[in-house]
Amino acid sequence: MSQRTTPVEPRTYGVYSPVVPAPDEGVGAGTLALSVIVPTRDRPDLLREQLDALAAQEWEGDWEVLVADNGSTDGATRALVEEFRDRLPGIRFVDASRRRGPAHARNAAAAVARGRSLVFVDDDDVVQPGWLSAMAAALEEHQFVACARDYALLNPPHVHRARGSPQRDALRRAWYPPYLPYAGGCGLAVHRDLFDRVRGFDEKLLVTQDNDFCFKVQVETRARLRFVPEAVVAIRCRTGRRGHFLQQFRWARHHVLLYERYCPPGERVPRAWRLHLYQWKEWLRGVPWRGTPEQRVKAVMELGWLAGQLVGALLHRTTPVPVD
């Protein structure tokens, strides 16, 4: 497949819903070096692990933690934030319940953040020692960065082996237009002015809004996404066959949407349908009905990916974007 070397201009899609800071949240963007933003919803036990890890970070600079609650059904998240005020003096609770999805939660917190740079982590993952100082150092040199990801620490060995270690040693690069590097939302960091210029995350995307953000920043501002291998976050994968299937299905379906969004008119991935049908044939031929746990997890993930590609192509009236 021939790869494009220059970024393409994206088509115009969607409107980002405005975020109005709540009166009691305060403002003052730029008064701190970093704002660490953690979107969450109804997962106080997992959130506690992440807050514990953030409280253990050592860095001399001024920073804050914003917990963006995307509509939790009880008061456990707010109570947890109050509990951590002594250990994380800069922690704040942000009501981000107006619209569902991590994109809105991140945008809502960014609207009231005081940091000159915004750093995003997820509530179910765990930053590792030295993560904050490494990210802060990288942001002194670059405008847009992403940390390394470890899949071995929080997952069973067979799940880790089945998934592999994406973004452990390098950034991933899109195999479709705009052929740019991208990263997961947990561990992304960006200067506040760039975030404002691209209008934050697309709140219409419930998944892959982080990948879209990576493309958008690079296309619209020409800033490069830089990899920070010294900063590591442990990633927690889905559990159970249904969880593995649905995650891959949603990712694949939305990658087709991003392909349609960024692909220039008239340009298509060569032989996409032929390769997609070939991959279905290979999956049916190789599915391990009585294989090892690792093989079964991998087969379920591959099935979810293929199904998501097919549904995405039909839904958006385009072609799938199979990985060759």
C-alpha atoms as a PDB file:
ATOM      1  CA  MET A   1       0.000   0.000   0.000  1.00  0.00           C
ATOM      2  CA  SER A   2       1.336   3.414  -0.877  1.00  0.00           C
ATOM      3  CA  GLN A   3       1.468   5.804   2.041  1.00  0.00           C
ATOM      4  CA  ARG A   4       0.828   9.493   1.939  1.00  0.00           C
ATOM      5  CA  THR A   5       3.684  11.574   3.327  1.00  0.00           C
ATOM      6  CA  THR A   6       1.870  14.873   3.802  1.00  0.00           C
ATOM      7  CA  PRO A   7      -1.122  15.387   6.109  1.00  0.00           C
ATOM      8  CA  VAL A   8      -4.499  15.948   4.528  1.00  0.00           C
ATOM      9  CA  GLU A   9      -7.104  18.486   5.501  1.00  0.00           C
ATOM     10  CA  PRO A  10     -10.033  16.815   7.288  1.00  0.00           C
ATOM     11  CA  ARG A  11     -13.573  17.264   6.157  1.00  0.00           C
ATOM     12  CA  THR A  12     -15.774  19.416   8.349  1.00  0.00           C
ATOM     13  CA  TYR A  13     -17.637  17.265  10.867  1.00  0.00           C
ATOM     14  CA  GLY A  14     -19.783  18.088  13.832  1.00  0.00           C
ATOM     15  CA  VAL A  15     -19.934  20.876  16.348  1.00  0.00           C
ATOM     16  CA  TYR A  16     -18.300  20.729  19.748  1.00  0.00           C
ATOM     17  CA  SER A  17     -20.804  21.501  22.455  1.00  0.00           C
ATOM     18  CA  PRO A  18     -19.751  24.552  24.466  1.00  0.00           C
ATOM     19  CA  VAL A  19     -18.639  23.999  28.035  1.00  0.00           C
ATOM     20  CA  VAL A  20     -19.511  26.662  30.573  1.00  0.00           C
ATOM     21  CA  PRO A  21     -17.536  26.479  33.853  1.00  0.00           C
ATOM     22  CA  ALA A  22     -19.694  26.047  36.915  1.00  0.00           C
ATOM     23  CA  PRO A  23     -19.568  29.155  39.132  1.00  0.00           C
ATOM     24  CA  ASP A  24     -17.998  27.298  42.062  1.00  0.00           C
ATOM     25  CA  GLU A  25     -15.228  25.644  40.041  1.00  0.00           C
ATOM     26  CA  GLY A  26     -13.116  28.749  39.541  1.00  0.00           C
ATOM     27  CA  VAL A  27     -11.042  29.766  36.546  1.00  0.00           C
ATOM     28  CA  GLY A  28      -7.523  31.011  35.983  1.00  0.00           C
ATOM     29  CA  ALA A  29      -6.068  29.130  33.037  1.00  0.00           C
ATOM     30  CA  GLY A  30      -2.293  29.330  32.929  1.00  0.00           C
ATOM     31  CA  THR A  31      -1.695  29.845  36.646  1.00  0.00           C
ATOM     32  CA  LEU A  32      -0.311  26.286  37.051  1.00  0.00           C
ATOM     33  CA  ALA A  33       2.088  24.268  34.934  1.00  0.00           C
ATOM     34  CA  LEU A  34      -0.051  21.129  34.536  1.00  0.00           C
ATOM     35  CA  SER A  35      -3.648  20.016  34.909  1.00  0.00           C
ATOM     36  CA  VAL A  36      -4.115  16.232  35.090  1.00  0.00           C
ATOM     37  CA  ILE A  37      -7.637  15.354  33.958  1.00  0.00           C
ATOM     38  CA  VAL A  38      -9.311  12.058  34.905  1.00  0.00           C
ATOM     39  CA  PRO A  39     -12.743  11.318  33.355  1.00  0.00           C
ATOM     40  CA  THR A  40     -14.779   8.814  35.362  1.00  0.00           C
ATOM     41  CA  ARG A  41     -18.221   7.341  35.883  1.00  0.00           C
ATOM     42  CA  ASP A  42     -19.306   4.930  38.633  1.00  0.00           C
ATOM     43  CA  ARG A  43     -15.877   3.323  39.165  1.00  0.00           C
ATOM     44  CA  PRO A  44     -14.682   4.624  42.529  1.00  0.00           C
ATOM     45  CA  ASP A  45     -12.627   1.515  43.351  1.00  0.00           C
ATOM     46  CA  LEU A  46     -10.611   1.761  40.131  1.00  0.00           C
ATOM     47  CA  LEU A  47     -10.408   5.529  40.425  1.00  0.00           C
ATOM     48  CA  ARG A  48      -8.893   5.116  43.901  1.00  0.00           C
ATOM     49  CA  GLU A  49      -5.990   3.127  42.418  1.00  0.00           C
ATOM     50  CA  GLN A  50      -5.300   5.875  39.906  1.00  0.00           C
ATOM     51  CA  LEU A  51      -5.503   8.623  42.527  1.00  0.00           C
ATOM     52  CA  ASP A  52      -3.168   6.628  44.794  1.00  0.00           C
ATOM     53  CA  ALA A  53      -0.656   6.474  41.950  1.00  0.00           C
ATOM     54  CA  LEU A  54      -0.993  10.186  41.227  1.00  0.00           C
ATOM     55  CA  ALA A  55      -0.542  11.031  44.908  1.00  0.00           C
ATOM     56  CA  ALA A  56       2.735   9.083  44.894  1.00  0.00           C
ATOM     57  CA  GLN A  57       4.220  11.097  41.998  1.00  0.00           C
ATOM     58  CA  GLU A  58       7.231  13.271  42.767  1.00  0.00           C
ATOM     59  CA  TRP A  59       7.617  16.533  40.883  1.00  0.00           C
ATOM     60  CA  GLU A  60       8.621  20.018  41.957  1.00  0.00           C
ATOM     61  CA  GLY A  61       6.223  21.936  39.712  1.00  0.00           C
ATOM     62  CA  ASP A  62       2.729  23.279  40.346  1.00  0.00           C
ATOM     63  CA  TRP A  63      -0.068  20.979  39.232  1.00  0.00           C
ATOM     64  CA  GLU A  64      -3.647  19.962  39.899  1.00  0.00           C
ATOM     65  CA  VAL A  65      -5.885  16.934  39.412  1.00  0.00           C
ATOM     66  CA  LEU A  66      -9.389  17.366  37.999  1.00  0.00           C
ATOM     67  CA  VAL A  67     -11.764  14.420  38.415  1.00  0.00           C
ATOM     68  CA  ALA A  68     -14.433  14.863  35.719  1.00  0.00           C
ATOM     69  CA  ASP A  69     -17.521  12.928  36.799  1.00  0.00           C
ATOM     70  CA  ASN A  70     -19.536  11.944  33.728  1.00  0.00           C
ATOM     71  CA  GLY A  71     -22.784  11.241  35.565  1.00  0.00           C
ATOM     72  CA  SER A  72     -22.087   8.822  38.405  1.00  0.00           C
ATOM     73  CA  THR A  73     -25.273   7.530  39.992  1.00  0.00           C
ATOM     74  CA  ASP A  74     -24.207   7.998  43.605  1.00  0.00           C
ATOM     75  CA  GLY A  75     -21.975  10.297  45.624  1.00  0.00           C
ATOM     76  CA  ALA A  76     -19.015   7.924  45.872  1.00  0.00           C
ATOM     77  CA  THR A  77     -16.848   9.785  43.358  1.00  0.00           C
ATOM     78  CA  ARG A  78     -17.304  13.166  45.010  1.00  0.00           C
ATOM     79  CA  ALA A  79     -16.645  11.608  48.427  1.00  0.00           C
ATOM     80  CA  LEU A  80     -13.443  10.023  47.099  1.00  0.00           C
ATOM     81  CA  VAL A  81     -12.225  13.391  45.843  1.00  0.00           C
ATOM     82  CA  GLU A  82     -12.827  14.872  49.278  1.00  0.00           C
ATOM     83  CA  GLU A  83     -10.913  11.988  50.846  1.00  0.00           C
ATOM     84  CA  PHE A  84      -7.852  12.742  48.701  1.00  0.00           C
ATOM     85  CA  ARG A  85      -7.661  16.472  49.430  1.00  0.00           C
ATOM     86  CA  ASP A  86      -4.896  15.995  51.986  1.00  0.00           C
ATOM     87  CA  ARG A  87      -2.822  13.771  49.701  1.00  0.00           C
ATOM     88  CA  LEU A  88      -3.519  15.730  46.487  1.00  0.00           C
ATOM     89  CA  PRO A  89      -3.987  19.350  47.557  1.00  0.00           C
ATOM     90  CA  GLY A  90      -4.762  20.425  43.996  1.00  0.00           C
ATOM     91  CA  ILE A  91      -7.560  17.915  43.451  1.00  0.00           C
ATOM     92  CA  ARG A  92     -10.966  19.200  42.288  1.00  0.00           C
ATOM     93  CA  PHE A  93     -14.297  17.613  41.420  1.00  0.00           C
ATOM     94  CA  VAL A  94     -15.832  18.669  38.091  1.00  0.00           C
ATOM     95  CA  ASP A  95     -19.458  17.933  37.248  1.00  0.00           C
ATOM     96  CA  ALA A  96     -19.263  16.673  33.656  1.00  0.00           C
ATOM     97  CA  SER A  97     -22.688  15.040  33.514  1.00  0.00           C
ATOM     98  CA  ARG A  98     -24.331  17.222  30.874  1.00  0.00           C
ATOM     99  CA  ARG A  99     -23.425  14.882  28.011  1.00  0.00           C
ATOM    100  CA  ARG A 100     -22.395  11.240  27.992  1.00  0.00           C
ATOM    101  CA  GLY A 101     -18.882  10.211  27.029  1.00  0.00           C
ATOM    102  CA  PRO A 102     -15.225  10.706  27.954  1.00  0.00           C
ATOM    103  CA  ALA A 103     -14.815  13.411  25.309  1.00  0.00           C
ATOM    104  CA  HIS A 104     -17.307  15.669  27.080  1.00  0.00           C
ATOM    105  CA  ALA A 105     -15.796  14.843  30.479  1.00  0.00           C
ATOM    106  CA  ARG A 106     -12.329  15.843  29.274  1.00  0.00           C
ATOM    107  CA  ASN A 107     -13.628  19.019  27.643  1.00  0.00           C
ATOM    108  CA  ALA A 108     -15.612  20.011  30.730  1.00  0.00           C
ATOM    109  CA  ALA A 109     -12.549  19.645  32.946  1.00  0.00           C
ATOM    110  CA  ALA A 110     -10.331  21.455  30.438  1.00  0.00           C
ATOM    111  CA  ALA A 111     -12.741  24.407  30.525  1.00  0.00           C
ATOM    112  CA  VAL A 112     -12.006  25.001  34.217  1.00  0.00           C
ATOM    113  CA  ALA A 113      -8.395  23.790  34.268  1.00  0.00           C
ATOM    114  CA  ARG A 114      -5.660  26.157  35.463  1.00  0.00           C
ATOM    115  CA  GLY A 115      -2.740  24.422  33.777  1.00  0.00           C
ATOM    116  CA  ARG A 116      -0.746  25.726  30.850  1.00  0.00           C
ATOM    117  CA  SER A 117      -0.669  22.108  29.678  1.00  0.00           C
ATOM    118  CA  LEU A 118      -3.403  19.472  29.927  1.00  0.00           C
ATOM    119  CA  VAL A 119      -2.547  15.844  30.722  1.00  0.00           C
ATOM    120  CA  PHE A 120      -5.196  13.141  30.318  1.00  0.00           C
ATOM    121  CA  VAL A 121      -5.398   9.800  32.115  1.00  0.00           C
ATOM    122  CA  ASP A 122      -8.187   7.251  32.526  1.00  0.00           C
ATOM    123  CA  ASP A 123      -9.753   6.171  35.801  1.00  0.00           C
ATOM    124  CA  ASP A 124      -9.140   2.426  35.329  1.00  0.00           C
ATOM    125  CA  ASP A 125      -5.424   2.627  34.485  1.00  0.00           C
ATOM    126  CA  VAL A 126      -2.466   3.327  36.794  1.00  0.00           C
ATOM    127  CA  VAL A 127       0.393   5.761  36.152  1.00  0.00           C
ATOM    128  CA  GLN A 128       3.792   4.406  37.146  1.00  0.00           C
ATOM    129  CA  PRO A 129       6.525   6.050  39.279  1.00  0.00           C
ATOM    130  CA  GLY A 130       8.215   8.927  37.480  1.00  0.00           C
ATOM    131  CA  TRP A 131       5.355   9.342  35.016  1.00  0.00           C
ATOM    132  CA  LEU A 132       4.470  12.934  35.943  1.00  0.00           C
ATOM    133  CA  SER A 133       8.021  14.281  35.975  1.00  0.00           C
ATOM    134  CA  ALA A 134       8.759  12.639  32.608  1.00  0.00           C
ATOM    135  CA  MET A 135       5.610  14.104  31.061  1.00  0.00           C
ATOM    136  CA  ALA A 136       6.369  17.553  32.481  1.00  0.00           C
ATOM    137  CA  ALA A 137       9.902  17.437  31.095  1.00  0.00           C
ATOM    138  CA  ALA A 138       8.611  16.412  27.664  1.00  0.00           C
ATOM    139  CA  LEU A 139       6.096  19.269  27.656  1.00  0.00           C
ATOM    140  CA  GLU A 140       8.936  21.718  28.234  1.00  0.00           C
ATOM    141  CA  GLU A 141      10.345  20.650  24.856  1.00  0.00           C
ATOM    142  CA  HIS A 142       7.250  19.707  22.851  1.00  0.00           C
ATOM    143  CA  GLN A 143       3.654  20.851  22.457  1.00  0.00           C
ATOM    144  CA  PHE A 144       1.972  17.471  22.054  1.00  0.00           C
ATOM    145  CA  VAL A 145       3.157  14.213  23.652  1.00  0.00           C
ATOM    146  CA  ALA A 146       2.050  10.690  24.580  1.00  0.00           C
ATOM    147  CA  CYS A 147       3.496   8.291  27.129  1.00  0.00           C
ATOM    148  CA  ALA A 148       4.349   4.596  26.881  1.00  0.00           C
ATOM    149  CA  ARG A 149       1.820   1.908  27.819  1.00  0.00           C
ATOM    150  CA  ASP A 150       2.382  -1.304  29.762  1.00  0.00           C
ATOM    151  CA  TYR A 151      -0.131  -4.136  29.308  1.00  0.00           C
ATOM    152  CA  ALA A 152       1.567  -6.723  31.526  1.00  0.00           C
ATOM    153  CA  LEU A 153       1.136  -5.209  34.996  1.00  0.00           C
ATOM    154  CA  LEU A 154      -2.668  -5.177  35.336  1.00  0.00           C
ATOM    155  CA  ASN A 155      -3.757  -8.059  33.104  1.00  0.00           C
ATOM    156  CA  PRO A 156      -3.594 -11.876  33.141  1.00  0.00           C
ATOM    157  CA  PRO A 157      -0.665 -13.210  31.094  1.00  0.00           C
ATOM    158  CA  HIS A 158      -2.890 -14.787  28.426  1.00  0.00           C
ATOM    159  CA  VAL A 159      -4.719 -11.483  27.860  1.00  0.00           C
ATOM    160  CA  HIS A 160      -1.435  -9.581  27.636  1.00  0.00           C
ATOM    161  CA  ARG A 161      -0.034 -12.071  25.128  1.00  0.00           C
ATOM    162  CA  ALA A 162      -3.219 -11.986  23.031  1.00  0.00           C
ATOM    163  CA  ARG A 163      -3.322  -8.191  22.873  1.00  0.00           C
ATOM    164  CA  GLY A 164       0.384  -7.586  22.493  1.00  0.00           C
ATOM    165  CA  SER A 165       1.965  -4.334  23.651  1.00  0.00           C
ATOM    166  CA  PRO A 166       0.848  -1.469  21.414  1.00  0.00           C
ATOM    167  CA  GLN A 167       2.443   1.877  22.289  1.00  0.00           C
ATOM    168  CA  ARG A 168       5.014   0.242  24.564  1.00  0.00           C
ATOM    169  CA  ASP A 169       8.107   1.155  22.569  1.00  0.00           C
ATOM    170  CA  ALA A 170       6.738   3.542  19.937  1.00  0.00           C
ATOM    171  CA  LEU A 171       3.610   5.319  18.792  1.00  0.00           C
ATOM    172  CA  ARG A 172       1.235   3.588  16.426  1.00  0.00           C
ATOM    173  CA  ARG A 173       0.690   5.052  12.969  1.00  0.00           C
ATOM    174  CA  ALA A 174      -2.616   5.024  11.105  1.00  0.00           C
ATOM    175  CA  TRP A 175      -2.665   2.556   8.212  1.00  0.00           C
ATOM    176  CA  TYR A 176      -5.183   4.759   6.380  1.00  0.00           C
ATOM    177  CA  PRO A 177      -5.307   8.491   5.538  1.00  0.00           C
ATOM    178  CA  PRO A 178      -4.024  10.690   7.132  1.00  0.00           C
ATOM    179  CA  TYR A 179      -1.238   8.131   7.869  1.00  0.00           C
ATOM    180  CA  LEU A 180      -0.247   9.971  11.048  1.00  0.00           C
ATOM    181  CA  PRO A 181       0.891   8.696  14.468  1.00  0.00           C
ATOM    182  CA  TYR A 182      -1.762   8.395  17.139  1.00  0.00           C
ATOM    183  CA  ALA A 183      -2.085   7.354  20.780  1.00  0.00           C
ATOM    184  CA  GLY A 184      -4.683   6.299  23.315  1.00  0.00           C
ATOM    185  CA  GLY A 185      -6.309   8.965  25.483  1.00  0.00           C
ATOM    186  CA  CYS A 186      -4.711   7.750  28.700  1.00  0.00           C
ATOM    187  CA  GLY A 187      -1.314   9.430  28.678  1.00  0.00           C
ATOM    188  CA  LEU A 188      -1.941  12.151  26.098  1.00  0.00           C
ATOM    189  CA  ALA A 189      -0.739  15.662  26.965  1.00  0.00           C
ATOM    190  CA  VAL A 190      -1.015  18.918  25.062  1.00  0.00           C
ATOM    191  CA  HIS A 191      -0.310  22.605  25.502  1.00  0.00           C
ATOM    192  CA  ARG A 192      -3.469  24.481  26.360  1.00  0.00           C
ATOM    193  CA  ASP A 193      -3.288  26.769  23.331  1.00  0.00           C
ATOM    194  CA  LEU A 194      -3.255  23.798  20.946  1.00  0.00           C
ATOM    195  CA  PHE A 195      -6.200  22.210  22.742  1.00  0.00           C
ATOM    196  CA  ASP A 196      -8.177  25.439  22.378  1.00  0.00           C
ATOM    197  CA  ARG A 197      -7.241  25.860  18.719  1.00  0.00           C
ATOM    198  CA  VAL A 198      -8.729  22.468  17.764  1.00  0.00           C
ATOM    199  CA  ARG A 199     -11.761  22.915  20.061  1.00  0.00           C
ATOM    200  CA  GLY A 200     -10.984  19.935  22.267  1.00  0.00           C
ATOM    201  CA  PHE A 201     -12.276  16.405  21.800  1.00  0.00           C
ATOM    202  CA  ASP A 202     -15.157  15.601  19.456  1.00  0.00           C
ATOM    203  CA  GLU A 203     -18.044  14.916  21.829  1.00  0.00           C
ATOM    204  CA  LYS A 204     -20.029  13.062  19.170  1.00  0.00           C
ATOM    205  CA  LEU A 205     -17.479  10.216  19.287  1.00  0.00           C
ATOM    206  CA  LEU A 206     -17.978   7.857  22.226  1.00  0.00           C
ATOM    207  CA  VAL A 207     -14.862   5.877  21.245  1.00  0.00           C
ATOM    208  CA  THR A 208     -11.712   6.740  19.228  1.00  0.00           C
ATOM    209  CA  GLN A 209     -12.203  10.390  20.135  1.00  0.00           C
ATOM    210  CA  ASP A 210      -8.590  10.253  21.340  1.00  0.00           C
ATOM    211  CA  ASN A 211      -7.344   8.996  17.966  1.00  0.00           C
ATOM    212  CA  ASP A 212      -9.377  11.683  16.210  1.00  0.00           C
ATOM    213  CA  PHE A 213      -7.867  14.301  18.539  1.00  0.00           C
ATOM    214  CA  CYS A 214      -4.359  13.140  17.599  1.00  0.00           C
ATOM    215  CA  PHE A 215      -5.111  13.462  13.895  1.00  0.00           C
ATOM    216  CA  LYS A 216      -6.847  16.795  14.294  1.00  0.00           C
ATOM    217  CA  VAL A 217      -4.051  18.433  16.280  1.00  0.00           C
ATOM    218  CA  GLN A 218      -1.449  17.327  13.757  1.00  0.00           C
ATOM    219  CA  VAL A 219      -3.496  18.268  10.679  1.00  0.00           C
ATOM    220  CA  GLU A 220      -4.805  21.624  11.915  1.00  0.00           C
ATOM    221  CA  THR A 221      -1.771  22.906  13.832  1.00  0.00           C
ATOM    222  CA  ARG A 222       1.101  20.928  12.207  1.00  0.00           C
ATOM    223  CA  ALA A 223       2.376  20.079  15.693  1.00  0.00           C
ATOM    224  CA  ARG A 224       4.010  16.645  15.836  1.00  0.00           C
ATOM    225  CA  LEU A 225       2.953  14.017  18.349  1.00  0.00           C
ATOM    226  CA  ARG A 226       6.058  13.015  20.318  1.00  0.00           C
ATOM    227  CA  PHE A 227       6.616   9.774  22.218  1.00  0.00           C
ATOM    228  CA  VAL A 228       7.759   9.832  25.867  1.00  0.00           C
ATOM    229  CA  PRO A 229       9.145   6.350  26.662  1.00  0.00           C
ATOM    230  CA  GLU A 230      10.281   7.396  30.170  1.00  0.00           C
ATOM    231  CA  ALA A 231       6.644   7.977  31.207  1.00  0.00           C
ATOM    232  CA  VAL A 232       4.700   4.738  31.594  1.00  0.00           C
ATOM    233  CA  VAL A 233       1.060   4.026  32.397  1.00  0.00           C
ATOM    234  CA  ALA A 234      -0.253   0.533  33.145  1.00  0.00           C
ATOM    235  CA  ILE A 235      -3.336  -0.224  31.025  1.00  0.00           C
ATOM    236  CA  ARG A 236      -6.208  -2.358  32.294  1.00  0.00           C
ATOM    237  CA  CYS A 237      -7.846  -4.398  29.525  1.00  0.00           C
ATOM    238  CA  ARG A 238     -11.457  -5.527  29.307  1.00  0.00           C
ATOM    239  CA  THR A 239     -12.357  -8.878  30.846  1.00  0.00           C
ATOM    240  CA  GLY A 240     -14.477 -11.701  29.445  1.00  0.00           C
ATOM    241  CA  ARG A 241     -15.196 -12.618  25.858  1.00  0.00           C
ATOM    242  CA  ARG A 242     -18.026 -10.104  25.550  1.00  0.00           C
ATOM    243  CA  GLY A 243     -15.785  -7.287  26.793  1.00  0.00           C
ATOM    244  CA  HIS A 244     -12.977  -8.170  24.370  1.00  0.00           C
ATOM    245  CA  PHE A 245     -15.407  -8.489  21.451  1.00  0.00           C
ATOM    246  CA  LEU A 246     -17.296  -5.248  22.073  1.00  0.00           C
ATOM    247  CA  GLN A 247     -14.171  -3.157  22.568  1.00  0.00           C
ATOM    248  CA  GLN A 248     -12.648  -4.333  19.294  1.00  0.00           C
ATOM    249  CA  PHE A 249     -15.985  -4.012  17.498  1.00  0.00           C
ATOM    250  CA  ARG A 250     -16.420  -0.386  18.573  1.00  0.00           C
ATOM    251  CA  TRP A 251     -12.824   0.525  17.803  1.00  0.00           C
ATOM    252  CA  ALA A 252     -12.999  -1.019  14.325  1.00  0.00           C
ATOM    253  CA  ARG A 253     -16.332   0.598  13.480  1.00  0.00           C
ATOM    254  CA  HIS A 254     -15.092   4.037  14.513  1.00  0.00           C
ATOM    255  CA  HIS A 255     -11.769   3.662  12.712  1.00  0.00           C
ATOM    256  CA  VAL A 256     -13.840   3.326   9.530  1.00  0.00           C
ATOM    257  CA  LEU A 257     -15.512   6.617  10.484  1.00  0.00           C
ATOM    258  CA  LEU A 258     -12.134   8.296  10.970  1.00  0.00           C
ATOM    259  CA  TYR A 259     -11.000   6.924   7.617  1.00  0.00           C
ATOM    260  CA  GLU A 260     -14.052   8.468   5.967  1.00  0.00           C
ATOM    261  CA  ARG A 261     -13.492  11.712   7.865  1.00  0.00           C
ATOM    262  CA  TYR A 262      -9.850  12.224   6.897  1.00  0.00           C
ATOM    263  CA  CYS A 263      -9.588  10.473   3.534  1.00  0.00           C
ATOM    264  CA  PRO A 264      -9.341  12.933   0.624  1.00  0.00           C
ATOM    265  CA  PRO A 265     -12.133  12.628  -1.968  1.00  0.00           C
ATOM    266  CA  GLY A 266     -11.292   9.990  -4.528  1.00  0.00           C
ATOM    267  CA  GLU A 267      -8.584   8.287  -2.459  1.00  0.00           C
ATOM    268  CA  ARG A 268      -9.276   4.824  -1.070  1.00  0.00           C
ATOM    269  CA  VAL A 269      -7.304   1.999   0.505  1.00  0.00           C
ATOM    270  CA  PRO A 270      -6.479  -0.332  -2.426  1.00  0.00           C
ATOM    271  CA  ARG A 271      -8.364  -3.638  -2.653  1.00  0.00           C
ATOM    272  CA  ALA A 272     -10.064  -3.007   0.687  1.00  0.00           C
ATOM    273  CA  TRP A 273     -13.066  -5.289   0.205  1.00  0.00           C
ATOM    274  CA  ARG A 274     -10.962  -8.080  -1.263  1.00  0.00           C
ATOM    275  CA  LEU A 275      -8.543  -7.968   1.672  1.00  0.00           C
ATOM    276  CA  HIS A 276     -11.397  -7.738   4.183  1.00  0.00           C
ATOM    277  CA  LEU A 277     -13.115 -10.832   2.774  1.00  0.00           C
ATOM    278  CA  TYR A 278      -9.784 -12.670   2.736  1.00  0.00           C
ATOM    279  CA  GLN A 279      -9.333 -11.882   6.436  1.00  0.00           C
ATOM    280  CA  TRP A 280     -12.787 -13.292   7.191  1.00  0.00           C
ATOM    281  CA  LYS A 281     -11.787 -16.476   5.369  1.00  0.00           C
ATOM    282  CA  GLU A 282      -8.531 -16.711   7.306  1.00  0.00           C
ATOM    283  CA  TRP A 283     -10.343 -16.153  10.609  1.00  0.00           C
ATOM    284  CA  LEU A 284     -12.847 -18.964   9.889  1.00  0.00           C
ATOM    285  CA  ARG A 285     -10.043 -21.272   8.838  1.00  0.00           C
ATOM    286  CA  GLY A 286      -7.877 -20.594  11.886  1.00  0.00           C
ATOM    287  CA  VAL A 287     -10.335 -20.056  14.733  1.00  0.00           C
ATOM    288  CA  PRO A 288      -9.157 -22.244  17.678  1.00  0.00           C
ATOM    289  CA  TRP A 289     -12.396 -23.821  18.886  1.00  0.00           C
ATOM    290  CA  ARG A 290     -10.438 -25.732  21.515  1.00  0.00           C
ATOM    291  CA  GLY A 291      -7.308 -23.621  21.750  1.00  0.00           C
ATOM    292  CA  THR A 292      -5.464 -22.092  24.687  1.00  0.00           C
ATOM    293  CA  PRO A 293      -6.959 -19.173  26.645  1.00  0.00           C
ATOM    294  CA  GLU A 294      -4.622 -16.844  24.750  1.00  0.00           C
ATOM    295  CA  GLN A 295      -5.763 -18.185  21.377  1.00  0.00           C
ATOM    296  CA  ARG A 296      -9.432 -17.902  22.333  1.00  0.00           C
ATOM    297  CA  VAL A 297      -9.050 -14.287  23.477  1.00  0.00           C
ATOM    298  CA  LYS A 298      -7.212 -13.424  20.291  1.00  0.00           C
ATOM    299  CA  ALA A 299      -9.891 -15.094  18.159  1.00  0.00           C
ATOM    300  CA  VAL A 300     -12.673 -13.175  19.906  1.00  0.00           C
ATOM    301  CA  MET A 301     -10.787  -9.899  19.452  1.00  0.00           C
ATOM    302  CA  GLU A 302     -10.212 -10.607  15.752  1.00  0.00           C
ATOM    303  CA  LEU A 303     -13.897 -11.444  15.302  1.00  0.00           C
ATOM    304  CA  GLY A 304     -14.905  -8.180  16.970  1.00  0.00           C
ATOM    305  CA  TRP A 305     -12.513  -6.239  14.748  1.00  0.00           C
ATOM    306  CA  LEU A 306     -13.738  -7.843  11.518  1.00  0.00           C
ATOM    307  CA  ALA A 307     -17.386  -7.396  12.463  1.00  0.00           C
ATOM    308  CA  GLY A 308     -16.799  -3.762  13.420  1.00  0.00           C
ATOM    309  CA  GLN A 309     -15.048  -3.061  10.127  1.00  0.00           C
ATOM    310  CA  LEU A 310     -17.931  -4.566   8.183  1.00  0.00           C
ATOM    311  CA  VAL A 311     -20.649  -2.726  10.100  1.00  0.00           C
ATOM    312  CA  GLY A 312     -18.709   0.541   9.928  1.00  0.00           C
ATOM    313  CA  ALA A 313     -18.275   0.257   6.167  1.00  0.00           C
ATOM    314  CA  LEU A 314     -21.979  -0.447   5.612  1.00  0.00           C
ATOM    315  CA  LEU A 315     -23.085   2.231   8.065  1.00  0.00           C
ATOM    316  CA  HIS A 316     -20.912   4.967   6.554  1.00  0.00           C
ATOM    317  CA  ARG A 317     -21.276   3.748   2.951  1.00  0.00           C
ATOM    318  CA  THR A 318     -17.581   3.376   2.428  1.00  0.00           C
ATOM    319  CA  THR A 319     -15.001   0.574   2.413  1.00  0.00           C
ATOM    320  CA  PRO A 320     -13.447  -1.165   5.413  1.00  0.00           C
ATOM    321  CA  VAL A 321      -9.862  -0.279   6.300  1.00  0.00           C
ATOM    322  CA  PRO A 322      -8.265  -3.671   6.900  1.00  0.00           C
ATOM    323  CA  VAL A 323      -4.765  -3.868   8.329  1.00  0.00           C
ATOM    324  CA  ASP A 324      -2.673  -5.676   5.743  1.00  0.00           C
END
